[in-house]
Amino acid sequence: MEALPFIKKLRNDYSENKLEIIGINRDLSFKGLQNTVTNKNIKWRNIWDENDAITNLFGVTAIPTTILINKEGIIIYRGTGITPQNEKEILEMLNKNL
């Protein structure tokens, strides 16, 4: 949940038609996902990765992992954790590509 404030800021700063945010949730149950979305006031799409299919597809080994994919489907940024440095990198990539 350490990334949540930064992701919420992105949602506020970039309209949905410019930036689509999708959370991949690995809670043990769908009810856990629902509770997290409700309790944390998450305002973007979240997918329950029940069997780790998405996690494995993208080779996620740590949480949080941020992956930016451009309109052509090319990964333009990949980072783990949220630090001031990678927040800066994410914002630079978004400003360059949106």
PDB file of N, CA and C in Angstrom:
ATOM      1  N   MET A   1       0.807  -1.206   0.000  1.00  0.00           N
ATOM      2  CA  MET A   1       0.000   0.000   0.000  1.00  0.00           C
ATOM      3  C   MET A   1       0.852   1.273   0.000  1.00  0.00           C
ATOM      4  N   GLU A   2       2.175   1.099   0.046  1.00  0.00           N
ATOM      5  CA  GLU A   2       3.045   2.272   0.069  1.00  0.00           C
ATOM      6  C   GLU A   2       2.905   3.126  -1.189  1.00  0.00           C
ATOM      7  N   ALA A   3       2.485   2.525  -2.285  1.00  0.00           N
ATOM      8  CA  ALA A   3       2.364   3.256  -3.549  1.00  0.00           C
ATOM      9  C   ALA A   3       1.050   4.009  -3.665  1.00  0.00           C
ATOM     10  N   LEU A   4       0.106   3.734  -2.806  1.00  0.00           N
ATOM     11  CA  LEU A   4      -1.242   4.264  -2.950  1.00  0.00           C
ATOM     12  C   LEU A   4      -1.311   5.793  -3.034  1.00  0.00           C
ATOM     13  N   PRO A   5      -0.650   6.547  -2.172  1.00  0.00           N
ATOM     14  CA  PRO A   5      -0.739   8.010  -2.297  1.00  0.00           C
ATOM     15  C   PRO A   5      -0.237   8.521  -3.652  1.00  0.00           C
ATOM     16  N   PHE A   6       0.837   7.951  -4.150  1.00  0.00           N
ATOM     17  CA  PHE A   6       1.374   8.384  -5.447  1.00  0.00           C
ATOM     18  C   PHE A   6       0.418   8.021  -6.576  1.00  0.00           C
ATOM     19  N   ILE A   7      -0.135   6.820  -6.552  1.00  0.00           N
ATOM     20  CA  ILE A   7      -1.076   6.402  -7.598  1.00  0.00           C
ATOM     21  C   ILE A   7      -2.339   7.267  -7.546  1.00  0.00           C
ATOM     22  N   LYS A   8      -2.810   7.587  -6.359  1.00  0.00           N
ATOM     23  CA  LYS A   8      -3.972   8.478  -6.236  1.00  0.00           C
ATOM     24  C   LYS A   8      -3.667   9.853  -6.821  1.00  0.00           C
ATOM     25  N   LYS A   9      -2.442  10.326  -6.606  1.00  0.00           N
ATOM     26  CA  LYS A   9      -2.043  11.612  -7.191  1.00  0.00           C
ATOM     27  C   LYS A   9      -2.048  11.532  -8.714  1.00  0.00           C
ATOM     28  N   LEU A  10      -1.550  10.423  -9.255  1.00  0.00           N
ATOM     29  CA  LEU A  10      -1.582  10.253 -10.710  1.00  0.00           C
ATOM     30  C   LEU A  10      -3.016  10.269 -11.224  1.00  0.00           C
ATOM     31  N   ARG A  11      -3.901   9.594 -10.509  1.00  0.00           N
ATOM     32  CA  ARG A  11      -5.307   9.556 -10.938  1.00  0.00           C
ATOM     33  C   ARG A  11      -5.904  10.950 -10.929  1.00  0.00           C
ATOM     34  N   ASN A  12      -5.536  11.766  -9.944  1.00  0.00           N
ATOM     35  CA  ASN A  12      -6.043  13.136  -9.877  1.00  0.00           C
ATOM     36  C   ASN A  12      -5.433  14.037 -10.938  1.00  0.00           C
ATOM     37  N   ASP A  13      -4.165  13.804 -11.279  1.00  0.00           N
ATOM     38  CA  ASP A  13      -3.450  14.687 -12.203  1.00  0.00           C
ATOM     39  C   ASP A  13      -3.670  14.354 -13.673  1.00  0.00           C
ATOM     40  N   TYR A  14      -4.023  13.106 -13.982  1.00  0.00           N
ATOM     41  CA  TYR A  14      -4.188  12.681 -15.372  1.00  0.00           C
ATOM     42  C   TYR A  14      -5.592  12.104 -15.549  1.00  0.00           C
ATOM     43  N   SER A  15      -6.301  12.606 -16.542  1.00  0.00           N
ATOM     44  CA  SER A  15      -7.661  12.125 -16.781  1.00  0.00           C
ATOM     45  C   SER A  15      -7.633  10.669 -17.241  1.00  0.00           C
ATOM     46  N   GLU A  16      -8.767  10.005 -17.067  1.00  0.00           N
ATOM     47  CA  GLU A  16      -8.863   8.594 -17.440  1.00  0.00           C
ATOM     48  C   GLU A  16      -8.643   8.369 -18.933  1.00  0.00           C
ATOM     49  N   ASN A  17      -8.963   9.350 -19.762  1.00  0.00           N
ATOM     50  CA  ASN A  17      -8.748   9.157 -21.203  1.00  0.00           C
ATOM     51  C   ASN A  17      -7.280   9.358 -21.592  1.00  0.00           C
ATOM     52  N   LYS A  18      -6.460   9.889 -20.690  1.00  0.00           N
ATOM     53  CA  LYS A  18      -5.020  10.016 -20.947  1.00  0.00           C
ATOM     54  C   LYS A  18      -4.216   8.895 -20.309  1.00  0.00           C
ATOM     55  N   LEU A  19      -4.639   8.468 -19.120  1.00  0.00           N
ATOM     56  CA  LEU A  19      -3.887   7.467 -18.373  1.00  0.00           C
ATOM     57  C   LEU A  19      -4.854   6.466 -17.761  1.00  0.00           C
ATOM     58  N   GLU A  20      -4.716   5.228 -18.166  1.00  0.00           N
ATOM     59  CA  GLU A  20      -5.523   4.180 -17.558  1.00  0.00           C
ATOM     60  C   GLU A  20      -4.686   3.498 -16.488  1.00  0.00           C
ATOM     61  N   ILE A  21      -5.241   3.429 -15.300  1.00  0.00           N
ATOM     62  CA  ILE A  21      -4.565   2.774 -14.186  1.00  0.00           C
ATOM     63  C   ILE A  21      -5.310   1.483 -13.895  1.00  0.00           C
ATOM     64  N   ILE A  22      -4.571   0.401 -13.808  1.00  0.00           N
ATOM     65  CA  ILE A  22      -5.157  -0.902 -13.474  1.00  0.00           C
ATOM     66  C   ILE A  22      -4.347  -1.486 -12.334  1.00  0.00           C
ATOM     67  N   GLY A  23      -5.019  -1.799 -11.242  1.00  0.00           N
ATOM     68  CA  GLY A  23      -4.369  -2.447 -10.115  1.00  0.00           C
ATOM     69  C   GLY A  23      -4.513  -3.954 -10.246  1.00  0.00           C
ATOM     70  N   ILE A  24      -3.439  -4.656 -10.026  1.00  0.00           N
ATOM     71  CA  ILE A  24      -3.473  -6.117 -10.011  1.00  0.00           C
ATOM     72  C   ILE A  24      -3.368  -6.528  -8.544  1.00  0.00           C
ATOM     73  N   ASN A  25      -4.407  -7.153  -8.056  1.00  0.00           N
ATOM     74  CA  ASN A  25      -4.521  -7.443  -6.632  1.00  0.00           C
ATOM     75  C   ASN A  25      -4.300  -8.919  -6.371  1.00  0.00           C
ATOM     76  N   ARG A  26      -3.465  -9.219  -5.373  1.00  0.00           N
ATOM     77  CA  ARG A  26      -3.137 -10.608  -5.046  1.00  0.00           C
ATOM     78  C   ARG A  26      -3.675 -11.022  -3.682  1.00  0.00           C
ATOM     79  N   ASP A  27      -4.743 -10.349  -3.233  1.00  0.00           N
ATOM     80  CA  ASP A  27      -5.377 -10.778  -1.986  1.00  0.00           C
ATOM     81  C   ASP A  27      -5.762 -12.245  -2.087  1.00  0.00           C
ATOM     82  N   LEU A  28      -5.921 -12.885  -0.950  1.00  0.00           N
ATOM     83  CA  LEU A  28      -6.252 -14.307  -0.935  1.00  0.00           C
ATOM     84  C   LEU A  28      -7.676 -14.591  -1.382  1.00  0.00           C
ATOM     85  N   SER A  29      -8.533 -13.574  -1.391  1.00  0.00           N
ATOM     86  CA  SER A  29      -9.920 -13.782  -1.807  1.00  0.00           C
ATOM     87  C   SER A  29     -10.422 -12.559  -2.549  1.00  0.00           C
ATOM     88  N   PHE A  30     -11.478 -12.758  -3.329  1.00  0.00           N
ATOM     89  CA  PHE A  30     -12.106 -11.637  -4.025  1.00  0.00           C
ATOM     90  C   PHE A  30     -12.696 -10.666  -3.006  1.00  0.00           C
ATOM     91  N   LYS A  31     -13.208 -11.196  -1.917  1.00  0.00           N
ATOM     92  CA  LYS A  31     -13.743 -10.349  -0.844  1.00  0.00           C
ATOM     93  C   LYS A  31     -12.637  -9.444  -0.293  1.00  0.00           C
ATOM     94  N   GLY A  32     -11.414  -9.968  -0.187  1.00  0.00           N
ATOM     95  CA  GLY A  32     -10.283  -9.156   0.249  1.00  0.00           C
ATOM     96  C   GLY A  32     -10.030  -7.989  -0.691  1.00  0.00           C
ATOM     97  N   LEU A  33     -10.119  -8.261  -1.992  1.00  0.00           N
ATOM     98  CA  LEU A  33      -9.973  -7.207  -2.998  1.00  0.00           C
ATOM     99  C   LEU A  33     -11.056  -6.155  -2.806  1.00  0.00           C
ATOM    100  N   GLN A  34     -12.299  -6.592  -2.674  1.00  0.00           N
ATOM    101  CA  GLN A  34     -13.405  -5.656  -2.492  1.00  0.00           C
ATOM    102  C   GLN A  34     -13.194  -4.790  -1.250  1.00  0.00           C
ATOM    103  N   ASN A  35     -12.757  -5.408  -0.167  1.00  0.00           N
ATOM    104  CA  ASN A  35     -12.522  -4.652   1.064  1.00  0.00           C
ATOM    105  C   ASN A  35     -11.405  -3.628   0.887  1.00  0.00           C
ATOM    106  N   THR A  36     -10.334  -4.014   0.217  1.00  0.00           N
ATOM    107  CA  THR A  36      -9.220  -3.099  -0.016  1.00  0.00           C
ATOM    108  C   THR A  36      -9.671  -1.902  -0.847  1.00  0.00           C
ATOM    109  N   VAL A  37     -10.381  -2.164  -1.927  1.00  0.00           N
ATOM    110  CA  VAL A  37     -10.851  -1.084  -2.811  1.00  0.00           C
ATOM    111  C   VAL A  37     -11.762  -0.129  -2.043  1.00  0.00           C
ATOM    112  N   THR A  38     -12.663  -0.681  -1.251  1.00  0.00           N
ATOM    113  CA  THR A  38     -13.594   0.149  -0.489  1.00  0.00           C
ATOM    114  C   THR A  38     -12.883   0.910   0.626  1.00  0.00           C
ATOM    115  N   ASN A  39     -12.108   0.208   1.437  1.00  0.00           N
ATOM    116  CA  ASN A  39     -11.475   0.824   2.601  1.00  0.00           C
ATOM    117  C   ASN A  39     -10.403   1.844   2.239  1.00  0.00           C
ATOM    118  N   LYS A  40      -9.730   1.643   1.118  1.00  0.00           N
ATOM    119  CA  LYS A  40      -8.656   2.554   0.697  1.00  0.00           C
ATOM    120  C   LYS A  40      -9.135   3.593  -0.314  1.00  0.00           C
ATOM    121  N   ASN A  41     -10.447   3.556  -0.639  1.00  0.00           N
ATOM    122  CA  ASN A  41     -11.052   4.523  -1.562  1.00  0.00           C
ATOM    123  C   ASN A  41     -10.316   4.556  -2.905  1.00  0.00           C
ATOM    124  N   ILE A  42     -10.125   3.383  -3.482  1.00  0.00           N
ATOM    125  CA  ILE A  42      -9.421   3.244  -4.759  1.00  0.00           C
ATOM    126  C   ILE A  42     -10.410   3.483  -5.891  1.00  0.00           C
ATOM    127  N   LYS A  43     -10.055   4.408  -6.788  1.00  0.00           N
ATOM    128  CA  LYS A  43     -10.968   4.853  -7.846  1.00  0.00           C
ATOM    129  C   LYS A  43     -10.536   4.425  -9.243  1.00  0.00           C
ATOM    130  N   TRP A  44      -9.862   3.309  -9.361  1.00  0.00           N
ATOM    131  CA  TRP A  44      -9.477   2.796 -10.674  1.00  0.00           C
ATOM    132  C   TRP A  44      -9.731   1.299 -10.694  1.00  0.00           C
ATOM    133  N   ARG A  45      -9.688   0.752 -11.896  1.00  0.00           N
ATOM    134  CA  ARG A  45      -9.977  -0.669 -12.085  1.00  0.00           C
ATOM    135  C   ARG A  45      -8.965  -1.530 -11.339  1.00  0.00           C
ATOM    136  N   ASN A  46      -9.479  -2.564 -10.692  1.00  0.00           N
ATOM    137  CA  ASN A  46      -8.631  -3.530 -10.001  1.00  0.00           C
ATOM    138  C   ASN A  46      -9.029  -4.927 -10.436  1.00  0.00           C
ATOM    139  N   ILE A  47      -8.040  -5.744 -10.677  1.00  0.00           N
ATOM    140  CA  ILE A  47      -8.259  -7.119 -11.119  1.00  0.00           C
ATOM    141  C   ILE A  47      -7.683  -8.048 -10.061  1.00  0.00           C
ATOM    142  N   TRP A  48      -8.459  -9.030  -9.670  1.00  0.00           N
ATOM    143  CA  TRP A  48      -7.998 -10.027  -8.708  1.00  0.00           C
ATOM    144  C   TRP A  48      -7.210 -11.088  -9.453  1.00  0.00           C
ATOM    145  N   ASP A  49      -5.946 -11.201  -9.153  1.00  0.00           N
ATOM    146  CA  ASP A  49      -5.055 -12.164  -9.806  1.00  0.00           C
ATOM    147  C   ASP A  49      -5.025 -13.452  -8.977  1.00  0.00           C
ATOM    148  N   GLU A  50      -6.158 -14.125  -8.957  1.00  0.00           N
ATOM    149  CA  GLU A  50      -6.374 -15.286  -8.101  1.00  0.00           C
ATOM    150  C   GLU A  50      -5.299 -16.353  -8.241  1.00  0.00           C
ATOM    151  N   ASN A  51      -4.902 -16.659  -9.462  1.00  0.00           N
ATOM    152  CA  ASN A  51      -3.946 -17.740  -9.706  1.00  0.00           C
ATOM    153  C   ASN A  51      -2.569 -17.232 -10.141  1.00  0.00           C
ATOM    154  N   ASP A  52      -2.303 -15.955  -9.921  1.00  0.00           N
ATOM    155  CA  ASP A  52      -1.023 -15.323 -10.268  1.00  0.00           C
ATOM    156  C   ASP A  52      -0.714 -15.335 -11.763  1.00  0.00           C
ATOM    157  N   ALA A  53      -1.728 -15.457 -12.597  1.00  0.00           N
ATOM    158  CA  ALA A  53      -1.498 -15.493 -14.045  1.00  0.00           C
ATOM    159  C   ALA A  53      -0.899 -14.180 -14.551  1.00  0.00           C
ATOM    160  N   ILE A  54      -1.448 -13.048 -14.112  1.00  0.00           N
ATOM    161  CA  ILE A  54      -0.941 -11.746 -14.561  1.00  0.00           C
ATOM    162  C   ILE A  54       0.430 -11.483 -13.946  1.00  0.00           C
ATOM    163  N   THR A  55       0.567 -11.808 -12.680  1.00  0.00           N
ATOM    164  CA  THR A  55       1.851 -11.656 -11.992  1.00  0.00           C
ATOM    165  C   THR A  55       2.950 -12.412 -12.734  1.00  0.00           C
ATOM    166  N   ASN A  56       2.663 -13.649 -13.114  1.00  0.00           N
ATOM    167  CA  ASN A  56       3.649 -14.456 -13.833  1.00  0.00           C
ATOM    168  C   ASN A  56       3.887 -13.937 -15.241  1.00  0.00           C
ATOM    169  N   LEU A  57       2.832 -13.507 -15.920  1.00  0.00           N
ATOM    170  CA  LEU A  57       2.968 -12.993 -17.285  1.00  0.00           C
ATOM    171  C   LEU A  57       3.943 -11.827 -17.352  1.00  0.00           C
ATOM    172  N   PHE A  58       3.866 -10.943 -16.356  1.00  0.00           N
ATOM    173  CA  PHE A  58       4.728  -9.762 -16.351  1.00  0.00           C
ATOM    174  C   PHE A  58       5.979  -9.944 -15.500  1.00  0.00           C
ATOM    175  N   GLY A  59       6.205 -11.139 -14.965  1.00  0.00           N
ATOM    176  CA  GLY A  59       7.414 -11.417 -14.202  1.00  0.00           C
ATOM    177  C   GLY A  59       7.545 -10.591 -12.938  1.00  0.00           C
ATOM    178  N   VAL A  60       6.430 -10.343 -12.275  1.00  0.00           N
ATOM    179  CA  VAL A  60       6.449  -9.543 -11.052  1.00  0.00           C
ATOM    180  C   VAL A  60       7.007 -10.392  -9.912  1.00  0.00           C
ATOM    181  N   THR A  61       8.050  -9.890  -9.278  1.00  0.00           N
ATOM    182  CA  THR A  61       8.672 -10.605  -8.163  1.00  0.00           C
ATOM    183  C   THR A  61       8.582  -9.828  -6.858  1.00  0.00           C
ATOM    184  N   ALA A  62       8.140  -8.575  -6.923  1.00  0.00           N
ATOM    185  CA  ALA A  62       8.019  -7.752  -5.716  1.00  0.00           C
ATOM    186  C   ALA A  62       6.804  -6.840  -5.870  1.00  0.00           C
ATOM    187  N   ILE A  63       6.254  -6.458  -4.720  1.00  0.00           N
ATOM    188  CA  ILE A  63       5.094  -5.573  -4.718  1.00  0.00           C
ATOM    189  C   ILE A  63       5.440  -4.358  -3.875  1.00  0.00           C
ATOM    190  N   PRO A  64       5.180  -3.148  -4.356  1.00  0.00           N
ATOM    191  CA  PRO A  64       4.514  -2.850  -5.610  1.00  0.00           C
ATOM    192  C   PRO A  64       5.483  -2.849  -6.791  1.00  0.00           C
ATOM    193  N   THR A  65       4.998  -3.246  -7.928  1.00  0.00           N
ATOM    194  CA  THR A  65       5.710  -3.120  -9.192  1.00  0.00           C
ATOM    195  C   THR A  65       4.891  -2.210 -10.084  1.00  0.00           C
ATOM    196  N   THR A  66       5.538  -1.242 -10.692  1.00  0.00           N
ATOM    197  CA  THR A  66       4.871  -0.318 -11.602  1.00  0.00           C
ATOM    198  C   THR A  66       5.357  -0.613 -13.007  1.00  0.00           C
ATOM    199  N   ILE A  67       4.403  -0.796 -13.918  1.00  0.00           N
ATOM    200  CA  ILE A  67       4.722  -1.040 -15.322  1.00  0.00           C
ATOM    201  C   ILE A  67       3.911  -0.046 -16.146  1.00  0.00           C
ATOM    202  N   LEU A  68       4.607   0.742 -16.979  1.00  0.00           N
ATOM    203  CA  LEU A  68       3.928   1.657 -17.890  1.00  0.00           C
ATOM    204  C   LEU A  68       3.992   1.061 -19.281  1.00  0.00           C
ATOM    205  N   ILE A  69       2.832   0.958 -19.908  1.00  0.00           N
ATOM    206  CA  ILE A  69       2.723   0.395 -21.250  1.00  0.00           C
ATOM    207  C   ILE A  69       2.131   1.468 -22.146  1.00  0.00           C
ATOM    208  N   ASN A  70       2.802   1.759 -23.262  1.00  0.00           N
ATOM    209  CA  ASN A  70       2.286   2.815 -24.138  1.00  0.00           C
ATOM    210  C   ASN A  70       1.134   2.297 -25.000  1.00  0.00           C
ATOM    211  N   LYS A  71       0.582   3.172 -25.816  1.00  0.00           N
ATOM    212  CA  LYS A  71      -0.585   2.824 -26.643  1.00  0.00           C
ATOM    213  C   LYS A  71      -0.280   1.716 -27.642  1.00  0.00           C
ATOM    214  N   GLU A  72       0.990   1.536 -27.973  1.00  0.00           N
ATOM    215  CA  GLU A  72       1.390   0.482 -28.909  1.00  0.00           C
ATOM    216  C   GLU A  72       1.605  -0.853 -28.202  1.00  0.00           C
ATOM    217  N   GLY A  73       1.443  -0.868 -26.880  1.00  0.00           N
ATOM    218  CA  GLY A  73       1.612  -2.099 -26.119  1.00  0.00           C
ATOM    219  C   GLY A  73       3.047  -2.391 -25.711  1.00  0.00           C
ATOM    220  N   ILE A  74       3.905  -1.386 -25.805  1.00  0.00           N
ATOM    221  CA  ILE A  74       5.322  -1.551 -25.465  1.00  0.00           C
ATOM    222  C   ILE A  74       5.553  -1.068 -24.038  1.00  0.00           C
ATOM    223  N   ILE A  75       6.256  -1.870 -23.246  1.00  0.00           N
ATOM    224  CA  ILE A  75       6.598  -1.468 -21.881  1.00  0.00           C
ATOM    225  C   ILE A  75       7.651  -0.369 -21.965  1.00  0.00           C
ATOM    226  N   ILE A  76       7.317   0.800 -21.431  1.00  0.00           N
ATOM    227  CA  ILE A  76       8.231   1.945 -21.487  1.00  0.00           C
ATOM    228  C   ILE A  76       8.853   2.240 -20.126  1.00  0.00           C
ATOM    229  N   TYR A  77       8.334   1.616 -19.072  1.00  0.00           N
ATOM    230  CA  TYR A  77       8.906   1.788 -17.741  1.00  0.00           C
ATOM    231  C   TYR A  77       8.540   0.581 -16.896  1.00  0.00           C
ATOM    232  N   ARG A  78       9.491   0.166 -16.075  1.00  0.00           N
ATOM    233  CA  ARG A  78       9.262  -0.912 -15.119  1.00  0.00           C
ATOM    234  C   ARG A  78      10.089  -0.603 -13.883  1.00  0.00           C
ATOM    235  N   GLY A  79       9.436  -0.613 -12.719  1.00  0.00           N
ATOM    236  CA  GLY A  79      10.151  -0.326 -11.480  1.00  0.00           C
ATOM    237  C   GLY A  79       9.477  -1.008 -10.305  1.00  0.00           C
ATOM    238  N   THR A  80      10.242  -1.219  -9.263  1.00  0.00           N
ATOM    239  CA  THR A  80       9.741  -1.867  -8.056  1.00  0.00           C
ATOM    240  C   THR A  80       9.825  -0.891  -6.897  1.00  0.00           C
ATOM    241  N   GLY A  81       8.777  -0.871  -6.096  1.00  0.00           N
ATOM    242  CA  GLY A  81       8.734   0.028  -4.943  1.00  0.00           C
ATOM    243  C   GLY A  81       8.414   1.444  -5.375  1.00  0.00           C
ATOM    244  N   ILE A  82       8.187   2.275  -4.392  1.00  0.00           N
ATOM    245  CA  ILE A  82       7.942   3.688  -4.664  1.00  0.00           C
ATOM    246  C   ILE A  82       8.938   4.492  -3.838  1.00  0.00           C
ATOM    247  N   THR A  83       9.788   5.210  -4.548  1.00  0.00           N
ATOM    248  CA  THR A  83      10.776   6.083  -3.931  1.00  0.00           C
ATOM    249  C   THR A  83      10.683   7.446  -4.620  1.00  0.00           C
ATOM    250  N   PRO A  84      11.232   8.480  -4.025  1.00  0.00           N
ATOM    251  CA  PRO A  84      11.239   9.772  -4.729  1.00  0.00           C
ATOM    252  C   PRO A  84      11.896   9.675  -6.110  1.00  0.00           C
ATOM    253  N   GLN A  85      12.928   8.844  -6.237  1.00  0.00           N
ATOM    254  CA  GLN A  85      13.611   8.709  -7.533  1.00  0.00           C
ATOM    255  C   GLN A  85      12.711   8.074  -8.580  1.00  0.00           C
ATOM    256  N   ASN A  86      12.044   6.952  -8.247  1.00  0.00           N
ATOM    257  CA  ASN A  86      11.235   6.360  -9.306  1.00  0.00           C
ATOM    258  C   ASN A  86       9.918   7.093  -9.505  1.00  0.00           C
ATOM    259  N   GLU A  87       9.430   7.836  -8.516  1.00  0.00           N
ATOM    260  CA  GLU A  87       8.287   8.717  -8.765  1.00  0.00           C
ATOM    261  C   GLU A  87       8.664   9.727  -9.844  1.00  0.00           C
ATOM    262  N   LYS A  88       9.865  10.282  -9.723  1.00  0.00           N
ATOM    263  CA  LYS A  88      10.359  11.246 -10.712  1.00  0.00           C
ATOM    264  C   LYS A  88      10.470  10.588 -12.093  1.00  0.00           C
ATOM    265  N   GLU A  89      11.000   9.372 -12.140  1.00  0.00           N
ATOM    266  CA  GLU A  89      11.132   8.648 -13.411  1.00  0.00           C
ATOM    267  C   GLU A  89       9.762   8.378 -14.037  1.00  0.00           C
ATOM    268  N   ILE A  90       8.810   7.973 -13.222  1.00  0.00           N
ATOM    269  CA  ILE A  90       7.453   7.696 -13.726  1.00  0.00           C
ATOM    270  C   ILE A  90       6.841   8.968 -14.299  1.00  0.00           C
ATOM    271  N   LEU A  91       6.949  10.069 -13.568  1.00  0.00           N
ATOM    272  CA  LEU A  91       6.388  11.329 -14.058  1.00  0.00           C
ATOM    273  C   LEU A  91       7.065  11.769 -15.355  1.00  0.00           C
ATOM    274  N   GLU A  92       8.365  11.589 -15.447  1.00  0.00           N
ATOM    275  CA  GLU A  92       9.086  11.943 -16.682  1.00  0.00           C
ATOM    276  C   GLU A  92       8.593  11.091 -17.853  1.00  0.00           C
ATOM    277  N   MET A  93       8.424   9.801 -17.640  1.00  0.00           N
ATOM    278  CA  MET A  93       7.940   8.921 -18.720  1.00  0.00           C
ATOM    279  C   MET A  93       6.515   9.286 -19.121  1.00  0.00           C
ATOM    280  N   LEU A  94       5.662   9.585 -18.150  1.00  0.00           N
ATOM    281  CA  LEU A  94       4.293   9.967 -18.472  1.00  0.00           C
ATOM    282  C   LEU A  94       4.267  11.262 -19.260  1.00  0.00           C
ATOM    283  N   ASN A  95       5.014  12.252 -18.809  1.00  0.00           N
ATOM    284  CA  ASN A  95       5.027  13.559 -19.503  1.00  0.00           C
ATOM    285  C   ASN A  95       5.610  13.422 -20.909  1.00  0.00           C
ATOM    286  N   LYS A  96       6.545  12.536 -21.083  1.00  0.00           N
ATOM    287  CA  LYS A  96       7.151  12.319 -22.396  1.00  0.00           C
ATOM    288  C   LYS A  96       6.213  11.577 -23.347  1.00  0.00           C
ATOM    289  N   ASN A  97       5.389  10.685 -22.807  1.00  0.00           N
ATOM    290  CA  ASN A  97       4.596   9.790 -23.650  1.00  0.00           C
ATOM    291  C   ASN A  97       3.106  10.086 -23.705  1.00  0.00           C
ATOM    292  N   LEU A  98       2.635  11.035 -22.924  1.00  0.00           N
ATOM    293  CA  LEU A  98       1.193  11.355 -22.983  1.00  0.00           C
ATOM    294  C   LEU A  98       0.952  12.637 -23.734  1.00  0.00           C
TER     295      LEU A  98
END
